[in-house]
Amino acid sequence: ILNLHTIHIDFIKIDASFIETILENEQSKKIVNSIIKLASNIGAKTIAESVSSEEIFKAVQELGIDYSQGYYIGKPKEFI
């Protein structure tokens, strides 16, 4: 059984479903803010998934998310 008290969490990745709707859905924004607060309280960094536009990128920066990933940042690279 995994006990959250015994593991060290370095990063919390915020799901694309919240990030993609952050501009128009107030509930998504509230959930993201809660995740950011949790991460801060436990000393973890945050990563926003699916940052696909400049508007979303600016929104996640304003909220204080540490890192972003998605097509606005760069296309995924294929490794062979």
PDB file of N, CA and C in Angstrom:
ATOM      1  N   ILE A   1       0.850  -1.169   0.000  1.00  0.00           N
ATOM      2  CA  ILE A   1       0.000   0.000   0.000  1.00  0.00           C
ATOM      3  C   ILE A   1       0.896   1.232   0.000  1.00  0.00           C
ATOM      4  N   LEU A   2       0.599   2.136  -0.911  1.00  0.00           N
ATOM      5  CA  LEU A   2       1.351   3.380  -1.024  1.00  0.00           C
ATOM      6  C   LEU A   2       0.821   4.392  -0.015  1.00  0.00           C
ATOM      7  N   ASN A   3       1.715   4.961   0.752  1.00  0.00           N
ATOM      8  CA  ASN A   3       1.345   5.961   1.730  1.00  0.00           C
ATOM      9  C   ASN A   3       1.932   7.299   1.296  1.00  0.00           C
ATOM     10  N   LEU A   4       1.084   8.283   1.044  1.00  0.00           N
ATOM     11  CA  LEU A   4       1.565   9.576   0.575  1.00  0.00           C
ATOM     12  C   LEU A   4       2.488  10.276   1.558  1.00  0.00           C
ATOM     13  N   HIS A   5       2.431   9.895   2.808  1.00  0.00           N
ATOM     14  CA  HIS A   5       3.321  10.490   3.807  1.00  0.00           C
ATOM     15  C   HIS A   5       4.763  10.036   3.640  1.00  0.00           C
ATOM     16  N   THR A   6       4.978   8.929   2.954  1.00  0.00           N
ATOM     17  CA  THR A   6       6.320   8.358   2.877  1.00  0.00           C
ATOM     18  C   THR A   6       7.020   8.608   1.544  1.00  0.00           C
ATOM     19  N   ILE A   7       6.366   9.232   0.589  1.00  0.00           N
ATOM     20  CA  ILE A   7       7.024   9.484  -0.693  1.00  0.00           C
ATOM     21  C   ILE A   7       7.276  10.977  -0.863  1.00  0.00           C
ATOM     22  N   HIS A   8       8.313  11.286  -1.607  1.00  0.00           N
ATOM     23  CA  HIS A   8       8.634  12.674  -1.907  1.00  0.00           C
ATOM     24  C   HIS A   8       8.146  12.970  -3.323  1.00  0.00           C
ATOM     25  N   ILE A   9       7.304  13.974  -3.455  1.00  0.00           N
ATOM     26  CA  ILE A   9       6.758  14.354  -4.754  1.00  0.00           C
ATOM     27  C   ILE A   9       7.500  15.592  -5.235  1.00  0.00           C
ATOM     28  N   ASP A  10       8.158  15.473  -6.397  1.00  0.00           N
ATOM     29  CA  ASP A  10       8.912  16.586  -6.960  1.00  0.00           C
ATOM     30  C   ASP A  10       8.067  17.454  -7.888  1.00  0.00           C
ATOM     31  N   PHE A  11       7.179  16.809  -8.659  1.00  0.00           N
ATOM     32  CA  PHE A  11       6.387  17.502  -9.670  1.00  0.00           C
ATOM     33  C   PHE A  11       4.948  17.021  -9.624  1.00  0.00           C
ATOM     34  N   ILE A  12       4.037  17.946  -9.909  1.00  0.00           N
ATOM     35  CA  ILE A  12       2.638  17.595 -10.115  1.00  0.00           C
ATOM     36  C   ILE A  12       2.273  18.091 -11.502  1.00  0.00           C
ATOM     37  N   LYS A  13       1.870  17.163 -12.356  1.00  0.00           N
ATOM     38  CA  LYS A  13       1.479  17.510 -13.717  1.00  0.00           C
ATOM     39  C   LYS A  13      -0.025  17.782 -13.729  1.00  0.00           C
ATOM     40  N   ILE A  14      -0.388  18.940 -14.252  1.00  0.00           N
ATOM     41  CA  ILE A  14      -1.795  19.336 -14.301  1.00  0.00           C
ATOM     42  C   ILE A  14      -2.379  18.880 -15.625  1.00  0.00           C
ATOM     43  N   ASP A  15      -3.414  18.063 -15.537  1.00  0.00           N
ATOM     44  CA  ASP A  15      -4.004  17.396 -16.690  1.00  0.00           C
ATOM     45  C   ASP A  15      -4.479  18.380 -17.765  1.00  0.00           C
ATOM     46  N   ALA A  16      -4.331  17.943 -19.010  1.00  0.00           N
ATOM     47  CA  ALA A  16      -4.722  18.749 -20.166  1.00  0.00           C
ATOM     48  C   ALA A  16      -6.182  19.176 -20.116  1.00  0.00           C
ATOM     49  N   SER A  17      -7.055  18.344 -19.558  1.00  0.00           N
ATOM     50  CA  SER A  17      -8.483  18.685 -19.523  1.00  0.00           C
ATOM     51  C   SER A  17      -8.737  19.968 -18.746  1.00  0.00           C
ATOM     52  N   PHE A  18      -7.907  20.280 -17.761  1.00  0.00           N
ATOM     53  CA  PHE A  18      -8.049  21.529 -17.019  1.00  0.00           C
ATOM     54  C   PHE A  18      -7.382  22.687 -17.749  1.00  0.00           C
ATOM     55  N   ILE A  19      -6.212  22.442 -18.310  1.00  0.00           N
ATOM     56  CA  ILE A  19      -5.455  23.496 -18.977  1.00  0.00           C
ATOM     57  C   ILE A  19      -6.152  23.953 -20.256  1.00  0.00           C
ATOM     58  N   GLU A  20      -6.676  23.013 -21.023  1.00  0.00           N
ATOM     59  CA  GLU A  20      -7.328  23.358 -22.295  1.00  0.00           C
ATOM     60  C   GLU A  20      -8.576  24.211 -22.109  1.00  0.00           C
ATOM     61  N   THR A  21      -9.191  24.153 -20.934  1.00  0.00           N
ATOM     62  CA  THR A  21     -10.435  24.894 -20.697  1.00  0.00           C
ATOM     63  C   THR A  21     -10.260  26.033 -19.689  1.00  0.00           C
ATOM     64  N   ILE A  22      -9.031  26.331 -19.344  1.00  0.00           N
ATOM     65  CA  ILE A  22      -8.772  27.297 -18.270  1.00  0.00           C
ATOM     66  C   ILE A  22      -9.245  28.713 -18.602  1.00  0.00           C
ATOM     67  N   LEU A  23      -9.302  29.060 -19.873  1.00  0.00           N
ATOM     68  CA  LEU A  23      -9.698  30.419 -20.248  1.00  0.00           C
ATOM     69  C   LEU A  23     -11.201  30.648 -20.156  1.00  0.00           C
ATOM     70  N   GLU A  24     -11.986  29.607 -20.390  1.00  0.00           N
ATOM     71  CA  GLU A  24     -13.435  29.792 -20.424  1.00  0.00           C
ATOM     72  C   GLU A  24     -14.200  29.076 -19.314  1.00  0.00           C
ATOM     73  N   ASN A  25     -13.523  28.261 -18.532  1.00  0.00           N
ATOM     74  CA  ASN A  25     -14.212  27.479 -17.517  1.00  0.00           C
ATOM     75  C   ASN A  25     -13.682  27.855 -16.125  1.00  0.00           C
ATOM     76  N   GLU A  26     -14.486  28.561 -15.369  1.00  0.00           N
ATOM     77  CA  GLU A  26     -14.065  29.030 -14.047  1.00  0.00           C
ATOM     78  C   GLU A  26     -13.749  27.867 -13.106  1.00  0.00           C
ATOM     79  N   GLN A  27     -14.483  26.758 -13.243  1.00  0.00           N
ATOM     80  CA  GLN A  27     -14.237  25.581 -12.398  1.00  0.00           C
ATOM     81  C   GLN A  27     -12.836  25.014 -12.666  1.00  0.00           C
ATOM     82  N   SER A  28     -12.439  24.966 -13.926  1.00  0.00           N
ATOM     83  CA  SER A  28     -11.086  24.493 -14.262  1.00  0.00           C
ATOM     84  C   SER A  28     -10.035  25.383 -13.612  1.00  0.00           C
ATOM     85  N   LYS A  29     -10.259  26.683 -13.668  1.00  0.00           N
ATOM     86  CA  LYS A  29      -9.304  27.630 -13.082  1.00  0.00           C
ATOM     87  C   LYS A  29      -9.212  27.439 -11.569  1.00  0.00           C
ATOM     88  N   LYS A  30     -10.339  27.209 -10.911  1.00  0.00           N
ATOM     89  CA  LYS A  30     -10.335  26.978  -9.466  1.00  0.00           C
ATOM     90  C   LYS A  30      -9.595  25.696  -9.110  1.00  0.00           C
ATOM     91  N   ILE A  31      -9.803  24.653  -9.895  1.00  0.00           N
ATOM     92  CA  ILE A  31      -9.111  23.383  -9.642  1.00  0.00           C
ATOM     93  C   ILE A  31      -7.610  23.552  -9.837  1.00  0.00           C
ATOM     94  N   VAL A  32      -7.218  24.238 -10.898  1.00  0.00           N
ATOM     95  CA  VAL A  32      -5.798  24.477 -11.148  1.00  0.00           C
ATOM     96  C   VAL A  32      -5.194  25.283 -10.008  1.00  0.00           C
ATOM     97  N   ASN A  33      -5.880  26.301  -9.542  1.00  0.00           N
ATOM     98  CA  ASN A  33      -5.383  27.079  -8.399  1.00  0.00           C
ATOM     99  C   ASN A  33      -5.203  26.204  -7.161  1.00  0.00           C
ATOM    100  N   SER A  34      -6.117  25.293  -6.939  1.00  0.00           N
ATOM    101  CA  SER A  34      -6.005  24.376  -5.793  1.00  0.00           C
ATOM    102  C   SER A  34      -4.800  23.461  -5.935  1.00  0.00           C
ATOM    103  N   ILE A  35      -4.555  22.981  -7.143  1.00  0.00           N
ATOM    104  CA  ILE A  35      -3.396  22.117  -7.392  1.00  0.00           C
ATOM    105  C   ILE A  35      -2.105  22.893  -7.150  1.00  0.00           C
ATOM    106  N   ILE A  36      -2.073  24.145  -7.609  1.00  0.00           N
ATOM    107  CA  ILE A  36      -0.887  24.987  -7.404  1.00  0.00           C
ATOM    108  C   ILE A  36      -0.628  25.184  -5.910  1.00  0.00           C
ATOM    109  N   LYS A  37      -1.668  25.445  -5.138  1.00  0.00           N
ATOM    110  CA  LYS A  37      -1.514  25.624  -3.693  1.00  0.00           C
ATOM    111  C   LYS A  37      -1.014  24.346  -3.020  1.00  0.00           C
ATOM    112  N   LEU A  38      -1.581  23.209  -3.420  1.00  0.00           N
ATOM    113  CA  LEU A  38      -1.127  21.930  -2.876  1.00  0.00           C
ATOM    114  C   LEU A  38       0.354  21.728  -3.175  1.00  0.00           C
ATOM    115  N   ALA A  39       0.737  21.938  -4.429  1.00  0.00           N
ATOM    116  CA  ALA A  39       2.139  21.764  -4.818  1.00  0.00           C
ATOM    117  C   ALA A  39       3.053  22.669  -3.995  1.00  0.00           C
ATOM    118  N   SER A  40       2.657  23.898  -3.840  1.00  0.00           N
ATOM    119  CA  SER A  40       3.460  24.832  -3.057  1.00  0.00           C
ATOM    120  C   SER A  40       3.601  24.366  -1.610  1.00  0.00           C
ATOM    121  N   ASN A  41       2.520  23.884  -1.037  1.00  0.00           N
ATOM    122  CA  ASN A  41       2.538  23.436   0.356  1.00  0.00           C
ATOM    123  C   ASN A  41       3.447  22.235   0.589  1.00  0.00           C
ATOM    124  N   ILE A  42       3.620  21.392  -0.423  1.00  0.00           N
ATOM    125  CA  ILE A  42       4.464  20.204  -0.255  1.00  0.00           C
ATOM    126  C   ILE A  42       5.836  20.363  -0.913  1.00  0.00           C
ATOM    127  N   GLY A  43       6.098  21.548  -1.459  1.00  0.00           N
ATOM    128  CA  GLY A  43       7.405  21.814  -2.066  1.00  0.00           C
ATOM    129  C   GLY A  43       7.598  21.195  -3.434  1.00  0.00           C
ATOM    130  N   ALA A  44       6.509  20.991  -4.175  1.00  0.00           N
ATOM    131  CA  ALA A  44       6.586  20.399  -5.514  1.00  0.00           C
ATOM    132  C   ALA A  44       6.428  21.482  -6.573  1.00  0.00           C
ATOM    133  N   LYS A  45       6.973  21.233  -7.736  1.00  0.00           N
ATOM    134  CA  LYS A  45       6.815  22.117  -8.894  1.00  0.00           C
ATOM    135  C   LYS A  45       5.594  21.649  -9.692  1.00  0.00           C
ATOM    136  N   THR A  46       5.019  22.571 -10.473  1.00  0.00           N
ATOM    137  CA  THR A  46       3.854  22.247 -11.293  1.00  0.00           C
ATOM    138  C   THR A  46       4.203  22.278 -12.779  1.00  0.00           C
ATOM    139  N   ILE A  47       3.531  21.412 -13.535  1.00  0.00           N
ATOM    140  CA  ILE A  47       3.710  21.326 -14.983  1.00  0.00           C
ATOM    141  C   ILE A  47       2.328  21.360 -15.626  1.00  0.00           C
ATOM    142  N   ALA A  48       2.116  22.291 -16.546  1.00  0.00           N
ATOM    143  CA  ALA A  48       0.858  22.374 -17.278  1.00  0.00           C
ATOM    144  C   ALA A  48       0.975  21.562 -18.569  1.00  0.00           C
ATOM    145  N   GLU A  49       0.058  20.630 -18.763  1.00  0.00           N
ATOM    146  CA  GLU A  49       0.009  19.843 -20.002  1.00  0.00           C
ATOM    147  C   GLU A  49      -0.813  20.586 -21.049  1.00  0.00           C
ATOM    148  N   SER A  50      -0.518  20.319 -22.308  1.00  0.00           N
ATOM    149  CA  SER A  50      -1.348  20.743 -23.437  1.00  0.00           C
ATOM    150  C   SER A  50      -1.485  22.257 -23.561  1.00  0.00           C
ATOM    151  N   VAL A  51      -0.383  22.968 -23.384  1.00  0.00           N
ATOM    152  CA  VAL A  51      -0.383  24.412 -23.603  1.00  0.00           C
ATOM    153  C   VAL A  51      -0.287  24.620 -25.113  1.00  0.00           C
ATOM    154  N   SER A  52      -1.410  25.017 -25.717  1.00  0.00           N
ATOM    155  CA  SER A  52      -1.496  25.020 -27.176  1.00  0.00           C
ATOM    156  C   SER A  52      -1.581  26.408 -27.800  1.00  0.00           C
ATOM    157  N   SER A  53      -1.606  27.454 -26.982  1.00  0.00           N
ATOM    158  CA  SER A  53      -1.703  28.802 -27.545  1.00  0.00           C
ATOM    159  C   SER A  53      -1.003  29.801 -26.624  1.00  0.00           C
ATOM    160  N   GLU A  54      -0.754  30.965 -27.180  1.00  0.00           N
ATOM    161  CA  GLU A  54      -0.125  32.024 -26.387  1.00  0.00           C
ATOM    162  C   GLU A  54      -1.038  32.454 -25.235  1.00  0.00           C
ATOM    163  N   GLU A  55      -2.337  32.482 -25.481  1.00  0.00           N
ATOM    164  CA  GLU A  55      -3.289  32.891 -24.448  1.00  0.00           C
ATOM    165  C   GLU A  55      -3.250  31.933 -23.254  1.00  0.00           C
ATOM    166  N   ILE A  56      -3.228  30.636 -23.543  1.00  0.00           N
ATOM    167  CA  ILE A  56      -3.152  29.645 -22.466  1.00  0.00           C
ATOM    168  C   ILE A  56      -1.806  29.743 -21.771  1.00  0.00           C
ATOM    169  N   PHE A  57      -0.743  29.923 -22.530  1.00  0.00           N
ATOM    170  CA  PHE A  57       0.589  30.062 -21.943  1.00  0.00           C
ATOM    171  C   PHE A  57       0.635  31.238 -20.969  1.00  0.00           C
ATOM    172  N   LYS A  58       0.087  32.373 -21.372  1.00  0.00           N
ATOM    173  CA  LYS A  58       0.061  33.542 -20.498  1.00  0.00           C
ATOM    174  C   LYS A  58      -0.772  33.284 -19.244  1.00  0.00           C
ATOM    175  N   ALA A  59      -1.893  32.581 -19.412  1.00  0.00           N
ATOM    176  CA  ALA A  59      -2.760  32.280 -18.269  1.00  0.00           C
ATOM    177  C   ALA A  59      -2.044  31.398 -17.246  1.00  0.00           C
ATOM    178  N   VAL A  60      -1.347  30.368 -17.713  1.00  0.00           N
ATOM    179  CA  VAL A  60      -0.666  29.478 -16.764  1.00  0.00           C
ATOM    180  C   VAL A  60       0.511  30.196 -16.105  1.00  0.00           C
ATOM    181  N   GLN A  61       1.154  31.091 -16.834  1.00  0.00           N
ATOM    182  CA  GLN A  61       2.231  31.882 -16.226  1.00  0.00           C
ATOM    183  C   GLN A  61       1.676  32.794 -15.137  1.00  0.00           C
ATOM    184  N   GLU A  62       0.557  33.447 -15.418  1.00  0.00           N
ATOM    185  CA  GLU A  62      -0.054  34.353 -14.437  1.00  0.00           C
ATOM    186  C   GLU A  62      -0.498  33.606 -13.179  1.00  0.00           C
ATOM    187  N   LEU A  63      -0.910  32.358 -13.343  1.00  0.00           N
ATOM    188  CA  LEU A  63      -1.320  31.559 -12.198  1.00  0.00           C
ATOM    189  C   LEU A  63      -0.132  31.077 -11.373  1.00  0.00           C
ATOM    190  N   GLY A  64       1.059  31.095 -11.961  1.00  0.00           N
ATOM    191  CA  GLY A  64       2.252  30.683 -11.234  1.00  0.00           C
ATOM    192  C   GLY A  64       2.671  29.248 -11.462  1.00  0.00           C
ATOM    193  N   ILE A  65       2.202  28.637 -12.546  1.00  0.00           N
ATOM    194  CA  ILE A  65       2.635  27.280 -12.873  1.00  0.00           C
ATOM    195  C   ILE A  65       4.106  27.345 -13.288  1.00  0.00           C
ATOM    196  N   ASP A  66       4.891  26.393 -12.797  1.00  0.00           N
ATOM    197  CA  ASP A  66       6.345  26.442 -12.996  1.00  0.00           C
ATOM    198  C   ASP A  66       6.796  26.105 -14.417  1.00  0.00           C
ATOM    199  N   TYR A  67       6.207  25.079 -15.011  1.00  0.00           N
ATOM    200  CA  TYR A  67       6.632  24.612 -16.331  1.00  0.00           C
ATOM    201  C   TYR A  67       5.416  24.355 -17.210  1.00  0.00           C
ATOM    202  N   SER A  68       5.621  24.484 -18.517  1.00  0.00           N
ATOM    203  CA  SER A  68       4.555  24.210 -19.483  1.00  0.00           C
ATOM    204  C   SER A  68       5.062  23.268 -20.553  1.00  0.00           C
ATOM    205  N   GLN A  69       4.141  22.466 -21.069  1.00  0.00           N
ATOM    206  CA  GLN A  69       4.462  21.629 -22.214  1.00  0.00           C
ATOM    207  C   GLN A  69       3.257  21.624 -23.129  1.00  0.00           C
ATOM    208  N   GLY A  70       3.499  21.468 -24.413  1.00  0.00           N
ATOM    209  CA  GLY A  70       2.419  21.456 -25.388  1.00  0.00           C
ATOM    210  C   GLY A  70       2.889  22.041 -26.704  1.00  0.00           C
ATOM    211  N   TYR A  71       2.002  22.047 -27.694  1.00  0.00           N
ATOM    212  CA  TYR A  71       2.372  22.469 -29.036  1.00  0.00           C
ATOM    213  C   TYR A  71       2.792  23.934 -29.109  1.00  0.00           C
ATOM    214  N   TYR A  72       2.336  24.767 -28.194  1.00  0.00           N
ATOM    215  CA  TYR A  72       2.789  26.158 -28.208  1.00  0.00           C
ATOM    216  C   TYR A  72       4.273  26.232 -27.834  1.00  0.00           C
ATOM    217  N   ILE A  73       4.701  25.351 -26.970  1.00  0.00           N
ATOM    218  CA  ILE A  73       6.100  25.320 -26.526  1.00  0.00           C
ATOM    219  C   ILE A  73       6.969  24.647 -27.581  1.00  0.00           C
ATOM    220  N   GLY A  74       6.496  23.559 -28.138  1.00  0.00           N
ATOM    221  CA  GLY A  74       7.240  22.820 -29.152  1.00  0.00           C
ATOM    222  C   GLY A  74       6.582  21.504 -29.462  1.00  0.00           C
ATOM    223  N   LYS A  75       6.731  21.056 -30.682  1.00  0.00           N
ATOM    224  CA  LYS A  75       6.169  19.777 -31.077  1.00  0.00           C
ATOM    225  C   LYS A  75       6.983  18.638 -30.461  1.00  0.00           C
ATOM    226  N   PRO A  76       6.312  17.535 -30.114  1.00  0.00           N
ATOM    227  CA  PRO A  76       7.033  16.388 -29.556  1.00  0.00           C
ATOM    228  C   PRO A  76       8.044  15.845 -30.571  1.00  0.00           C
ATOM    229  N   LYS A  77       9.153  15.360 -30.062  1.00  0.00           N
ATOM    230  CA  LYS A  77      10.163  14.772 -30.929  1.00  0.00           C
ATOM    231  C   LYS A  77      10.064  13.255 -30.862  1.00  0.00           C
ATOM    232  N   GLU A  78      10.265  12.645 -31.993  1.00  0.00           N
ATOM    233  CA  GLU A  78      10.215  11.193 -32.059  1.00  0.00           C
ATOM    234  C   GLU A  78      11.630  10.646 -31.845  1.00  0.00           C
ATOM    235  N   PHE A  79      11.729   9.695 -30.938  1.00  0.00           N
ATOM    236  CA  PHE A  79      13.008   9.068 -30.670  1.00  0.00           C
ATOM    237  C   PHE A  79      12.982   7.666 -31.238  1.00  0.00           C
ATOM    238  N   ILE A  80      14.043   7.342 -31.938  1.00  0.00           N
ATOM    239  CA  ILE A  80      14.131   5.994 -32.529  1.00  0.00           C
ATOM    240  C   ILE A  80      15.267   5.247 -31.866  1.00  0.00           C
TER     241      ILE A  80
END
